Amino acid sequence: MRHAETVDNVARIWQGHRDSRLSDVGRAQVVAAAPHLAAYEPSLLVSSDLQRAASTADPIAELTGLVVRLDARFREIDVGEWQGLHTDEVHEKYPDVIEALDRGEDVPKGRTGETRADVAARVAAALEEVLRDLLPGETAVIVTHGASGKLAASELVGLDQDLADRVFRGLDNCHWIELVEDRGRFSAVARWRIAGWNLGPWRT
């Protein structure tokens, strides 16, 4: 699940690891979305340790009685020198990096930040740990961020990241991806599949 709208989302500020707070709209989004996540009857609730994700997880915890497990590995991509800058300022000051990203190159965000591969590796490790803690038939809710959430889901199902970028749009605030463990008709090997993308109380 991606966190709810923040004041920096509204202002078009690059956040990365910046600890921004939810906007008034974001707080309303959480109230609307939390019952839908609680309806999954999760046995485990995990969140990025950044405020915008943890604040999104708290109402789900209240409805489910779960304690939120904070994990910094589910943080958003580190955007380096872009953190705290307006989108227009980034395009003006870093045209070379923007052009490289537009060409599909996996260069560090904001020159000193993380690459997509960096984030994929850390969120995949965190996700595997969550899966080890689940018993058969149990569900986990993970509250994370736009890029890190998409990368985690793609890694789990074995989807090439370039293909994922072409096929799937990003996650809206307070929307989520539903991943289901499934056994094939002709194999006992369990595989993960994407059962829903960009789901929310407004798009289910």
N, C-alpha and C. Protein backbone atom coordinates (compact mmCIF):
# COMPACT_ATOMS: atom_id res chain seq x y z
N MET A 1 0.84 -1.19 0.00
CA MET A 1 0.00 0.00 0.00
C MET A 1 0.89 1.25 0.00
N ARG A 2 0.53 2.20 -0.86
CA ARG A 2 1.24 3.48 -0.83
C ARG A 2 0.61 4.36 0.24
N HIS A 3 1.43 5.17 0.88
CA HIS A 3 0.95 6.09 1.91
C HIS A 3 -0.06 7.09 1.34
N ALA A 4 -0.79 7.74 2.23
CA ALA A 4 -1.77 8.76 1.84
C ALA A 4 -1.06 10.04 1.38
N GLU A 5 -1.84 10.94 0.82
CA GLU A 5 -1.29 12.19 0.29
C GLU A 5 -0.59 13.00 1.39
N THR A 6 0.55 13.59 1.01
CA THR A 6 1.31 14.43 1.94
C THR A 6 1.29 15.89 1.47
N VAL A 7 1.74 16.77 2.37
CA VAL A 7 1.82 18.19 2.00
C VAL A 7 2.86 18.37 0.88
N ASP A 8 3.88 17.53 0.86
CA ASP A 8 4.89 17.63 -0.20
C ASP A 8 4.36 17.10 -1.53
N ASN A 9 3.49 16.09 -1.50
CA ASN A 9 2.84 15.64 -2.74
C ASN A 9 2.09 16.80 -3.38
N VAL A 10 1.34 17.52 -2.57
CA VAL A 10 0.53 18.64 -3.06
C VAL A 10 1.42 19.73 -3.63
N ALA A 11 2.54 20.01 -2.94
CA ALA A 11 3.45 21.08 -3.35
C ALA A 11 4.41 20.65 -4.46
N ARG A 12 4.35 19.37 -4.89
CA ARG A 12 5.21 18.83 -5.93
C ARG A 12 6.69 18.90 -5.53
N ILE A 13 6.93 18.52 -4.28
CA ILE A 13 8.27 18.47 -3.73
C ILE A 13 8.77 17.02 -3.74
N TRP A 14 10.00 16.82 -4.19
CA TRP A 14 10.59 15.49 -4.15
C TRP A 14 10.85 15.12 -2.70
N GLN A 15 10.37 13.95 -2.28
CA GLN A 15 10.47 13.57 -0.88
C GLN A 15 11.62 12.60 -0.60
N GLY A 16 11.63 11.45 -1.27
CA GLY A 16 12.66 10.47 -0.94
C GLY A 16 12.57 10.07 0.52
N HIS A 17 13.65 10.27 1.27
CA HIS A 17 13.66 9.94 2.70
C HIS A 17 13.24 11.12 3.57
N ARG A 18 12.82 12.20 2.96
CA ARG A 18 12.32 13.37 3.70
C ARG A 18 11.07 12.96 4.46
N ASP A 19 10.98 13.35 5.72
CA ASP A 19 9.89 12.87 6.59
C ASP A 19 8.72 13.84 6.58
N SER A 20 7.97 13.86 5.51
CA SER A 20 6.85 14.79 5.37
C SER A 20 5.58 14.24 6.02
N ARG A 21 4.68 15.15 6.37
CA ARG A 21 3.44 14.76 7.06
C ARG A 21 2.28 14.67 6.08
N LEU A 22 1.22 13.99 6.51
CA LEU A 22 0.03 13.87 5.67
C LEU A 22 -0.70 15.20 5.57
N SER A 23 -1.33 15.43 4.43
CA SER A 23 -2.19 16.60 4.24
C SER A 23 -3.57 16.31 4.83
N ASP A 24 -4.43 17.32 4.85
CA ASP A 24 -5.80 17.09 5.31
C ASP A 24 -6.50 16.06 4.43
N VAL A 25 -6.28 16.15 3.13
CA VAL A 25 -6.85 15.17 2.21
C VAL A 25 -6.29 13.79 2.51
N GLY A 26 -5.00 13.72 2.79
CA GLY A 26 -4.37 12.45 3.11
C GLY A 26 -4.98 11.79 4.34
N ARG A 27 -5.25 12.57 5.35
CA ARG A 27 -5.85 12.00 6.57
C ARG A 27 -7.26 11.47 6.27
N ALA A 28 -7.98 12.16 5.40
CA ALA A 28 -9.31 11.68 5.00
C ALA A 28 -9.20 10.40 4.17
N GLN A 29 -8.16 10.33 3.33
CA GLN A 29 -7.95 9.12 2.53
C GLN A 29 -7.72 7.90 3.42
N VAL A 30 -6.96 8.08 4.48
CA VAL A 30 -6.66 6.98 5.39
C VAL A 30 -7.95 6.49 6.06
N VAL A 31 -8.79 7.40 6.49
CA VAL A 31 -10.06 7.03 7.12
C VAL A 31 -10.91 6.20 6.15
N ALA A 32 -10.90 6.59 4.87
CA ALA A 32 -11.69 5.87 3.87
C ALA A 32 -11.08 4.51 3.52
N ALA A 33 -9.76 4.44 3.49
CA ALA A 33 -9.09 3.22 3.03
C ALA A 33 -8.91 2.17 4.12
N ALA A 34 -8.71 2.59 5.36
CA ALA A 34 -8.37 1.66 6.44
C ALA A 34 -9.35 0.48 6.58
N PRO A 35 -10.67 0.70 6.50
CA PRO A 35 -11.57 -0.45 6.62
C PRO A 35 -11.40 -1.49 5.51
N HIS A 36 -11.02 -1.03 4.31
CA HIS A 36 -10.80 -1.96 3.20
C HIS A 36 -9.58 -2.84 3.47
N LEU A 37 -8.53 -2.26 4.05
CA LEU A 37 -7.34 -3.04 4.38
C LEU A 37 -7.61 -3.97 5.56
N ALA A 38 -8.38 -3.50 6.52
CA ALA A 38 -8.73 -4.33 7.67
C ALA A 38 -9.58 -5.53 7.24
N ALA A 39 -10.34 -5.36 6.16
CA ALA A 39 -11.20 -6.44 5.66
C ALA A 39 -10.40 -7.62 5.13
N TYR A 40 -9.14 -7.42 4.82
CA TYR A 40 -8.27 -8.53 4.42
C TYR A 40 -7.93 -9.43 5.62
N GLU A 41 -8.27 -8.96 6.82
CA GLU A 41 -7.98 -9.68 8.07
C GLU A 41 -6.50 -10.05 8.18
N PRO A 42 -5.63 -9.03 8.10
CA PRO A 42 -4.19 -9.32 8.15
C PRO A 42 -3.76 -9.82 9.52
N SER A 43 -2.75 -10.66 9.51
CA SER A 43 -2.15 -11.12 10.76
C SER A 43 -0.85 -10.37 11.03
N LEU A 44 -0.39 -9.59 10.05
CA LEU A 44 0.86 -8.86 10.18
C LEU A 44 0.72 -7.52 9.48
N LEU A 45 1.17 -6.46 10.15
CA LEU A 45 1.10 -5.11 9.60
C LEU A 45 2.49 -4.49 9.69
N VAL A 46 3.05 -4.20 8.53
CA VAL A 46 4.42 -3.68 8.44
C VAL A 46 4.38 -2.34 7.73
N SER A 47 5.28 -1.43 8.14
CA SER A 47 5.30 -0.11 7.51
C SER A 47 6.73 0.40 7.40
N SER A 48 6.96 1.18 6.36
CA SER A 48 8.16 2.01 6.30
C SER A 48 8.19 2.86 7.56
N ASP A 49 9.39 3.20 8.02
CA ASP A 49 9.49 4.00 9.25
C ASP A 49 9.29 5.48 9.03
N LEU A 50 9.12 5.91 7.78
CA LEU A 50 8.87 7.33 7.53
C LEU A 50 7.46 7.70 7.96
N GLN A 51 7.31 8.92 8.46
CA GLN A 51 6.07 9.37 9.08
C GLN A 51 4.85 9.20 8.19
N ARG A 52 5.00 9.50 6.90
CA ARG A 52 3.84 9.45 6.03
C ARG A 52 3.30 8.04 5.86
N ALA A 53 4.17 7.04 5.93
CA ALA A 53 3.73 5.65 5.84
C ALA A 53 3.19 5.17 7.19
N ALA A 54 3.92 5.46 8.27
CA ALA A 54 3.49 5.03 9.60
C ALA A 54 2.15 5.64 9.97
N SER A 55 1.91 6.89 9.58
CA SER A 55 0.63 7.54 9.86
C SER A 55 -0.51 6.91 9.07
N THR A 56 -0.18 6.35 7.91
CA THR A 56 -1.18 5.64 7.11
C THR A 56 -1.48 4.28 7.72
N ALA A 57 -0.48 3.67 8.32
CA ALA A 57 -0.66 2.34 8.92
C ALA A 57 -1.42 2.38 10.25
N ASP A 58 -1.28 3.47 10.99
CA ASP A 58 -1.87 3.53 12.34
C ASP A 58 -3.38 3.26 12.38
N PRO A 59 -4.20 3.86 11.50
CA PRO A 59 -5.63 3.57 11.54
C PRO A 59 -5.96 2.11 11.21
N ILE A 60 -5.14 1.47 10.39
CA ILE A 60 -5.34 0.04 10.10
C ILE A 60 -5.04 -0.77 11.36
N ALA A 61 -4.01 -0.35 12.08
CA ALA A 61 -3.67 -1.02 13.34
C ALA A 61 -4.81 -0.90 14.35
N GLU A 62 -5.43 0.25 14.40
CA GLU A 62 -6.53 0.46 15.35
C GLU A 62 -7.71 -0.45 15.03
N LEU A 63 -7.98 -0.65 13.75
CA LEU A 63 -9.11 -1.49 13.36
C LEU A 63 -8.83 -2.98 13.51
N THR A 64 -7.57 -3.37 13.39
CA THR A 64 -7.22 -4.79 13.42
C THR A 64 -6.67 -5.25 14.76
N GLY A 65 -6.25 -4.31 15.59
CA GLY A 65 -5.62 -4.67 16.85
C GLY A 65 -4.17 -5.09 16.71
N LEU A 66 -3.61 -4.89 15.53
CA LEU A 66 -2.21 -5.27 15.29
C LEU A 66 -1.26 -4.15 15.70
N VAL A 67 -0.05 -4.53 16.03
CA VAL A 67 1.02 -3.56 16.29
C VAL A 67 1.80 -3.38 14.99
N VAL A 68 2.05 -2.13 14.62
CA VAL A 68 2.78 -1.85 13.38
C VAL A 68 4.26 -2.16 13.56
N ARG A 69 4.80 -2.98 12.67
CA ARG A 69 6.23 -3.27 12.66
C ARG A 69 6.89 -2.30 11.68
N LEU A 70 7.77 -1.45 12.17
CA LEU A 70 8.45 -0.47 11.32
C LEU A 70 9.72 -1.08 10.74
N ASP A 71 9.93 -0.86 9.44
CA ASP A 71 11.10 -1.41 8.75
C ASP A 71 11.61 -0.39 7.75
N ALA A 72 12.78 0.15 8.01
CA ALA A 72 13.36 1.19 7.15
C ALA A 72 13.65 0.71 5.75
N ARG A 73 13.72 -0.62 5.54
CA ARG A 73 14.00 -1.14 4.21
C ARG A 73 12.84 -0.89 3.25
N PHE A 74 11.64 -0.59 3.78
CA PHE A 74 10.50 -0.28 2.93
C PHE A 74 10.38 1.21 2.62
N ARG A 75 11.42 1.98 2.95
CA ARG A 75 11.41 3.41 2.63
C ARG A 75 11.35 3.64 1.12
N GLU A 76 10.98 4.87 0.77
CA GLU A 76 10.98 5.27 -0.64
C GLU A 76 12.42 5.32 -1.15
N ILE A 77 12.55 5.37 -2.46
CA ILE A 77 13.87 5.51 -3.07
C ILE A 77 14.53 6.79 -2.57
N ASP A 78 15.81 6.71 -2.26
CA ASP A 78 16.58 7.88 -1.86
C ASP A 78 16.84 8.71 -3.11
N VAL A 79 16.35 9.95 -3.12
CA VAL A 79 16.47 10.78 -4.32
C VAL A 79 17.66 11.75 -4.25
N GLY A 80 18.55 11.51 -3.32
CA GLY A 80 19.79 12.27 -3.27
C GLY A 80 19.60 13.77 -3.21
N GLU A 81 20.25 14.49 -4.15
CA GLU A 81 20.23 15.95 -4.15
C GLU A 81 18.86 16.53 -4.48
N TRP A 82 17.95 15.69 -4.95
CA TRP A 82 16.62 16.18 -5.29
C TRP A 82 15.72 16.35 -4.06
N GLN A 83 16.08 15.73 -2.95
CA GLN A 83 15.21 15.76 -1.78
C GLN A 83 14.94 17.20 -1.34
N GLY A 84 13.65 17.54 -1.23
CA GLY A 84 13.24 18.87 -0.81
C GLY A 84 13.12 19.88 -1.94
N LEU A 85 13.46 19.48 -3.17
CA LEU A 85 13.37 20.40 -4.30
C LEU A 85 12.03 20.26 -5.01
N HIS A 86 11.56 21.36 -5.60
CA HIS A 86 10.35 21.35 -6.40
C HIS A 86 10.63 20.63 -7.72
N THR A 87 9.62 19.98 -8.26
CA THR A 87 9.76 19.23 -9.51
C THR A 87 10.33 20.09 -10.64
N ASP A 88 9.85 21.33 -10.78
CA ASP A 88 10.35 22.21 -11.84
C ASP A 88 11.83 22.52 -11.65
N GLU A 89 12.25 22.68 -10.39
CA GLU A 89 13.65 22.97 -10.09
C GLU A 89 14.54 21.79 -10.46
N VAL A 90 14.06 20.58 -10.22
CA VAL A 90 14.80 19.38 -10.57
C VAL A 90 15.02 19.31 -12.08
N HIS A 91 13.95 19.56 -12.84
CA HIS A 91 14.07 19.51 -14.30
C HIS A 91 15.01 20.60 -14.82
N GLU A 92 15.02 21.74 -14.16
CA GLU A 92 15.88 22.84 -14.59
C GLU A 92 17.35 22.58 -14.27
N LYS A 93 17.63 22.03 -13.09
CA LYS A 93 19.01 21.88 -12.63
C LYS A 93 19.67 20.55 -13.01
N TYR A 94 18.85 19.54 -13.28
CA TYR A 94 19.40 18.21 -13.54
C TYR A 94 18.89 17.61 -14.85
N PRO A 95 18.99 18.34 -15.96
CA PRO A 95 18.45 17.82 -17.23
C PRO A 95 19.15 16.55 -17.69
N ASP A 96 20.45 16.41 -17.37
CA ASP A 96 21.18 15.23 -17.80
C ASP A 96 20.66 13.97 -17.12
N VAL A 97 20.36 14.08 -15.83
CA VAL A 97 19.83 12.92 -15.10
C VAL A 97 18.43 12.58 -15.58
N ILE A 98 17.61 13.60 -15.79
CA ILE A 98 16.24 13.39 -16.28
C ILE A 98 16.27 12.72 -17.65
N GLU A 99 17.17 13.17 -18.53
CA GLU A 99 17.27 12.58 -19.86
C GLU A 99 17.70 11.12 -19.79
N ALA A 100 18.63 10.81 -18.88
CA ALA A 100 19.08 9.42 -18.72
C ALA A 100 17.94 8.54 -18.23
N LEU A 101 17.17 9.04 -17.28
CA LEU A 101 16.02 8.28 -16.77
C LEU A 101 14.98 8.09 -17.87
N ASP A 102 14.76 9.13 -18.67
CA ASP A 102 13.80 9.03 -19.78
C ASP A 102 14.24 7.99 -20.81
N ARG A 103 15.54 7.78 -20.94
CA ARG A 103 16.06 6.77 -21.87
C ARG A 103 15.97 5.36 -21.28
N GLY A 104 15.56 5.28 -20.02
CA GLY A 104 15.43 3.98 -19.37
C GLY A 104 16.67 3.53 -18.63
N GLU A 105 17.65 4.42 -18.49
CA GLU A 105 18.87 4.07 -17.77
C GLU A 105 18.62 4.09 -16.26
N ASP A 106 19.20 3.13 -15.57
CA ASP A 106 19.00 3.02 -14.12
C ASP A 106 20.11 3.78 -13.39
N VAL A 107 20.07 5.10 -13.51
CA VAL A 107 21.07 5.96 -12.86
C VAL A 107 20.57 6.36 -11.48
N PRO A 108 21.47 6.75 -10.56
CA PRO A 108 21.04 7.17 -9.23
C PRO A 108 20.14 8.41 -9.31
N LYS A 109 19.04 8.37 -8.58
CA LYS A 109 18.16 9.54 -8.52
C LYS A 109 18.91 10.68 -7.81
N GLY A 110 18.78 11.87 -8.35
CA GLY A 110 19.42 13.03 -7.72
C GLY A 110 20.93 12.89 -7.62
N ARG A 111 21.53 12.15 -8.53
CA ARG A 111 22.98 11.93 -8.63
C ARG A 111 23.56 11.16 -7.46
N THR A 112 23.19 11.49 -6.23
CA THR A 112 23.78 10.84 -5.06
C THR A 112 22.82 9.86 -4.38
N GLY A 113 21.66 9.65 -5.00
CA GLY A 113 20.65 8.77 -4.40
C GLY A 113 20.80 7.33 -4.84
N GLU A 114 19.70 6.60 -4.77
CA GLU A 114 19.69 5.18 -5.11
C GLU A 114 19.28 4.96 -6.56
N THR A 115 19.70 3.82 -7.07
CA THR A 115 19.19 3.36 -8.35
C THR A 115 17.95 2.50 -8.09
N ARG A 116 17.24 2.18 -9.15
CA ARG A 116 16.09 1.29 -9.03
C ARG A 116 16.52 -0.09 -8.54
N ALA A 117 17.69 -0.55 -9.02
CA ALA A 117 18.21 -1.85 -8.59
C ALA A 117 18.54 -1.85 -7.11
N ASP A 118 19.06 -0.74 -6.61
CA ASP A 118 19.36 -0.64 -5.17
C ASP A 118 18.09 -0.85 -4.35
N VAL A 119 17.03 -0.16 -4.74
CA VAL A 119 15.77 -0.25 -3.99
C VAL A 119 15.15 -1.63 -4.11
N ALA A 120 15.20 -2.19 -5.32
CA ALA A 120 14.64 -3.52 -5.54
C ALA A 120 15.30 -4.54 -4.62
N ALA A 121 16.61 -4.44 -4.45
CA ALA A 121 17.33 -5.39 -3.60
C ALA A 121 16.92 -5.27 -2.14
N ARG A 122 16.80 -4.04 -1.64
CA ARG A 122 16.48 -3.90 -0.21
C ARG A 122 15.02 -4.23 0.09
N VAL A 123 14.09 -3.84 -0.80
CA VAL A 123 12.69 -4.16 -0.51
C VAL A 123 12.41 -5.65 -0.70
N ALA A 124 13.12 -6.28 -1.63
CA ALA A 124 12.93 -7.72 -1.82
C ALA A 124 13.38 -8.49 -0.59
N ALA A 125 14.48 -8.08 0.01
CA ALA A 125 14.97 -8.73 1.23
C ALA A 125 13.98 -8.55 2.38
N ALA A 126 13.43 -7.34 2.50
CA ALA A 126 12.45 -7.08 3.55
C ALA A 126 11.17 -7.88 3.33
N LEU A 127 10.75 -7.97 2.08
CA LEU A 127 9.52 -8.69 1.75
C LEU A 127 9.67 -10.18 2.03
N GLU A 128 10.82 -10.74 1.70
CA GLU A 128 11.05 -12.16 1.98
C GLU A 128 10.98 -12.44 3.47
N GLU A 129 11.45 -11.52 4.29
CA GLU A 129 11.37 -11.68 5.74
C GLU A 129 9.92 -11.67 6.21
N VAL A 130 9.11 -10.79 5.63
CA VAL A 130 7.68 -10.76 5.97
C VAL A 130 7.02 -12.08 5.60
N LEU A 131 7.33 -12.60 4.43
CA LEU A 131 6.71 -13.84 3.97
C LEU A 131 7.09 -15.02 4.86
N ARG A 132 8.32 -15.02 5.37
CA ARG A 132 8.74 -16.11 6.26
C ARG A 132 7.94 -16.10 7.57
N ASP A 133 7.45 -14.94 7.95
CA ASP A 133 6.70 -14.82 9.20
C ASP A 133 5.21 -15.15 9.06
N LEU A 134 4.76 -15.37 7.84
CA LEU A 134 3.35 -15.69 7.59
C LEU A 134 3.13 -17.20 7.60
N LEU A 135 2.06 -17.62 8.25
CA LEU A 135 1.64 -19.02 8.18
C LEU A 135 0.77 -19.20 6.94
N PRO A 136 0.59 -20.44 6.47
CA PRO A 136 -0.27 -20.68 5.30
C PRO A 136 -1.66 -20.05 5.49
N GLY A 137 -2.11 -19.34 4.50
CA GLY A 137 -3.42 -18.72 4.55
C GLY A 137 -3.46 -17.36 5.20
N GLU A 138 -2.34 -16.91 5.77
CA GLU A 138 -2.34 -15.60 6.43
C GLU A 138 -2.01 -14.48 5.44
N THR A 139 -2.36 -13.26 5.85
CA THR A 139 -2.18 -12.08 5.01
C THR A 139 -1.36 -11.03 5.75
N ALA A 140 -0.52 -10.34 5.01
CA ALA A 140 0.22 -9.20 5.55
C ALA A 140 -0.18 -7.94 4.79
N VAL A 141 -0.23 -6.83 5.49
CA VAL A 141 -0.40 -5.52 4.86
C VAL A 141 0.91 -4.77 5.07
N ILE A 142 1.47 -4.27 3.98
CA ILE A 142 2.72 -3.52 4.04
C ILE A 142 2.46 -2.11 3.52
N VAL A 143 2.71 -1.11 4.35
CA VAL A 143 2.51 0.28 3.95
C VAL A 143 3.87 0.85 3.57
N THR A 144 3.98 1.25 2.31
CA THR A 144 5.27 1.71 1.81
C THR A 144 5.07 2.96 0.94
N HIS A 145 5.75 3.03 -0.18
CA HIS A 145 5.76 4.23 -1.01
C HIS A 145 5.58 3.86 -2.48
N GLY A 146 5.46 4.85 -3.33
CA GLY A 146 5.16 4.59 -4.72
C GLY A 146 6.19 3.72 -5.43
N ALA A 147 7.44 4.19 -5.49
CA ALA A 147 8.47 3.45 -6.20
C ALA A 147 8.82 2.15 -5.48
N SER A 148 9.01 2.20 -4.18
CA SER A 148 9.41 1.00 -3.45
C SER A 148 8.32 -0.06 -3.47
N GLY A 149 7.05 0.35 -3.45
CA GLY A 149 5.96 -0.62 -3.52
C GLY A 149 5.89 -1.32 -4.86
N LYS A 150 6.04 -0.54 -5.94
CA LYS A 150 6.00 -1.13 -7.27
C LYS A 150 7.19 -2.08 -7.48
N LEU A 151 8.36 -1.68 -7.00
CA LEU A 151 9.55 -2.51 -7.14
C LEU A 151 9.42 -3.81 -6.34
N ALA A 152 8.87 -3.72 -5.13
CA ALA A 152 8.70 -4.91 -4.30
C ALA A 152 7.76 -5.91 -4.96
N ALA A 153 6.64 -5.42 -5.47
CA ALA A 153 5.67 -6.31 -6.12
C ALA A 153 6.26 -6.96 -7.37
N SER A 154 6.97 -6.18 -8.16
CA SER A 154 7.56 -6.70 -9.39
C SER A 154 8.62 -7.75 -9.10
N GLU A 155 9.42 -7.51 -8.07
CA GLU A 155 10.45 -8.48 -7.69
C GLU A 155 9.81 -9.78 -7.23
N LEU A 156 8.72 -9.70 -6.47
CA LEU A 156 8.10 -10.90 -5.92
C LEU A 156 7.56 -11.81 -7.03
N VAL A 157 6.96 -11.22 -8.05
CA VAL A 157 6.38 -12.05 -9.12
C VAL A 157 7.38 -12.33 -10.25
N GLY A 158 8.61 -11.78 -10.13
CA GLY A 158 9.62 -12.03 -11.14
C GLY A 158 9.41 -11.25 -12.42
N LEU A 159 8.81 -10.07 -12.30
CA LEU A 159 8.53 -9.24 -13.47
C LEU A 159 9.69 -8.29 -13.73
N ASP A 160 10.19 -8.29 -14.94
CA ASP A 160 11.26 -7.38 -15.32
C ASP A 160 10.85 -5.94 -15.04
N GLN A 161 11.75 -5.18 -14.42
CA GLN A 161 11.39 -3.83 -13.98
C GLN A 161 11.11 -2.89 -15.16
N ASP A 162 11.83 -3.04 -16.26
CA ASP A 162 11.54 -2.21 -17.43
C ASP A 162 10.15 -2.51 -17.98
N LEU A 163 9.80 -3.80 -17.99
CA LEU A 163 8.47 -4.18 -18.45
C LEU A 163 7.40 -3.67 -17.50
N ALA A 164 7.68 -3.77 -16.19
CA ALA A 164 6.72 -3.28 -15.21
C ALA A 164 6.46 -1.79 -15.39
N ASP A 165 7.52 -1.03 -15.69
CA ASP A 165 7.35 0.41 -15.89
C ASP A 165 6.48 0.70 -17.12
N ARG A 166 6.59 -0.15 -18.15
CA ARG A 166 5.80 0.07 -19.36
C ARG A 166 4.35 -0.37 -19.19
N VAL A 167 4.14 -1.42 -18.38
CA VAL A 167 2.80 -2.00 -18.26
C VAL A 167 1.96 -1.32 -17.17
N PHE A 168 2.59 -1.06 -16.03
CA PHE A 168 1.84 -0.55 -14.89
C PHE A 168 2.11 0.92 -14.63
N ARG A 169 1.07 1.64 -14.32
CA ARG A 169 1.23 3.02 -13.88
C ARG A 169 1.63 2.99 -12.41
N GLY A 170 1.99 4.14 -11.87
CA GLY A 170 2.34 4.21 -10.46
C GLY A 170 1.12 4.05 -9.57
N LEU A 171 1.38 3.95 -8.28
CA LEU A 171 0.28 3.82 -7.32
C LEU A 171 -0.21 5.19 -6.89
N ASP A 172 -1.52 5.38 -6.88
CA ASP A 172 -2.10 6.59 -6.32
C ASP A 172 -1.92 6.57 -4.80
N ASN A 173 -2.00 7.74 -4.19
CA ASN A 173 -1.94 7.79 -2.73
C ASN A 173 -3.04 6.95 -2.11
N CYS A 174 -2.66 6.18 -1.09
CA CYS A 174 -3.60 5.35 -0.33
C CYS A 174 -4.25 4.26 -1.17
N HIS A 175 -3.56 3.80 -2.20
CA HIS A 175 -3.99 2.67 -3.02
C HIS A 175 -2.98 1.54 -2.86
N TRP A 176 -3.34 0.37 -3.31
CA TRP A 176 -2.49 -0.79 -3.02
C TRP A 176 -2.50 -1.81 -4.14
N ILE A 177 -1.53 -2.74 -4.03
CA ILE A 177 -1.39 -3.88 -4.93
C ILE A 177 -1.77 -5.12 -4.15
N GLU A 178 -2.60 -5.98 -4.74
CA GLU A 178 -2.96 -7.24 -4.09
C GLU A 178 -2.15 -8.37 -4.73
N LEU A 179 -1.36 -9.04 -3.91
CA LEU A 179 -0.52 -10.15 -4.35
C LEU A 179 -1.01 -11.43 -3.70
N VAL A 180 -1.17 -12.48 -4.50
CA VAL A 180 -1.73 -13.73 -4.02
C VAL A 180 -0.79 -14.88 -4.35
N GLU A 181 -0.56 -15.74 -3.36
CA GLU A 181 0.24 -16.94 -3.61
C GLU A 181 -0.66 -17.98 -4.26
N ASP A 182 -0.19 -18.54 -5.36
CA ASP A 182 -1.03 -19.42 -6.16
C ASP A 182 -0.24 -20.64 -6.60
N ARG A 183 -0.88 -21.79 -6.58
CA ARG A 183 -0.24 -23.01 -7.08
C ARG A 183 -0.79 -23.30 -8.48
N GLY A 184 0.10 -23.57 -9.40
CA GLY A 184 -0.30 -23.82 -10.78
C GLY A 184 -1.07 -25.12 -10.92
N ARG A 185 -1.78 -25.26 -12.00
CA ARG A 185 -2.59 -26.46 -12.25
C ARG A 185 -1.73 -27.70 -12.39
N PHE A 186 -0.53 -27.55 -12.95
CA PHE A 186 0.29 -28.71 -13.25
C PHE A 186 1.56 -28.77 -12.40
N SER A 187 1.62 -27.95 -11.36
CA SER A 187 2.82 -27.94 -10.53
C SER A 187 2.44 -27.65 -9.08
N ALA A 188 3.19 -28.25 -8.18
CA ALA A 188 2.98 -27.99 -6.75
C ALA A 188 3.77 -26.77 -6.29
N VAL A 189 4.54 -26.19 -7.19
CA VAL A 189 5.36 -25.03 -6.84
C VAL A 189 4.46 -23.80 -6.70
N ALA A 190 4.56 -23.16 -5.54
CA ALA A 190 3.75 -21.96 -5.31
C ALA A 190 4.41 -20.76 -5.98
N ARG A 191 3.62 -19.96 -6.63
CA ARG A 191 4.12 -18.75 -7.26
C ARG A 191 3.21 -17.59 -6.87
N TRP A 192 3.78 -16.40 -6.92
CA TRP A 192 3.00 -15.21 -6.60
C TRP A 192 2.49 -14.57 -7.89
N ARG A 193 1.28 -14.05 -7.82
CA ARG A 193 0.71 -13.35 -8.96
C ARG A 193 0.07 -12.04 -8.49
N ILE A 194 -0.05 -11.12 -9.40
CA ILE A 194 -0.70 -9.84 -9.11
C ILE A 194 -2.19 -9.99 -9.35
N ALA A 195 -2.97 -9.93 -8.28
CA ALA A 195 -4.43 -10.08 -8.39
C ALA A 195 -5.12 -8.73 -8.57
N GLY A 196 -4.46 -7.65 -8.21
CA GLY A 196 -5.05 -6.33 -8.35
C GLY A 196 -3.97 -5.27 -8.26
N TRP A 197 -4.12 -4.22 -9.04
CA TRP A 197 -3.13 -3.14 -9.08
C TRP A 197 -3.82 -1.80 -8.93
N ASN A 198 -3.28 -0.95 -8.08
CA ASN A 198 -3.84 0.39 -7.82
C ASN A 198 -5.27 0.29 -7.32
N LEU A 199 -5.49 -0.63 -6.41
CA LEU A 199 -6.81 -0.78 -5.79
C LEU A 199 -7.00 0.26 -4.70
N GLY A 200 -8.23 0.61 -4.45
CA GLY A 200 -8.53 1.56 -3.40
C GLY A 200 -10.01 1.64 -3.15
N PRO A 201 -10.41 2.41 -2.16
CA PRO A 201 -11.85 2.57 -1.90
C PRO A 201 -12.60 3.23 -3.05
N TRP A 202 -11.81 3.82 -4.00
CA TRP A 202 -12.44 4.47 -5.16
C TRP A 202 -12.27 3.66 -6.41
N ARG A 203 -11.44 2.58 -6.33
CA ARG A 203 -11.18 1.77 -7.51
C ARG A 203 -10.90 0.35 -7.03
N THR A 204 -11.95 -0.47 -6.89
CA THR A 204 -11.78 -1.82 -6.34
C THR A 204 -12.23 -2.86 -7.35
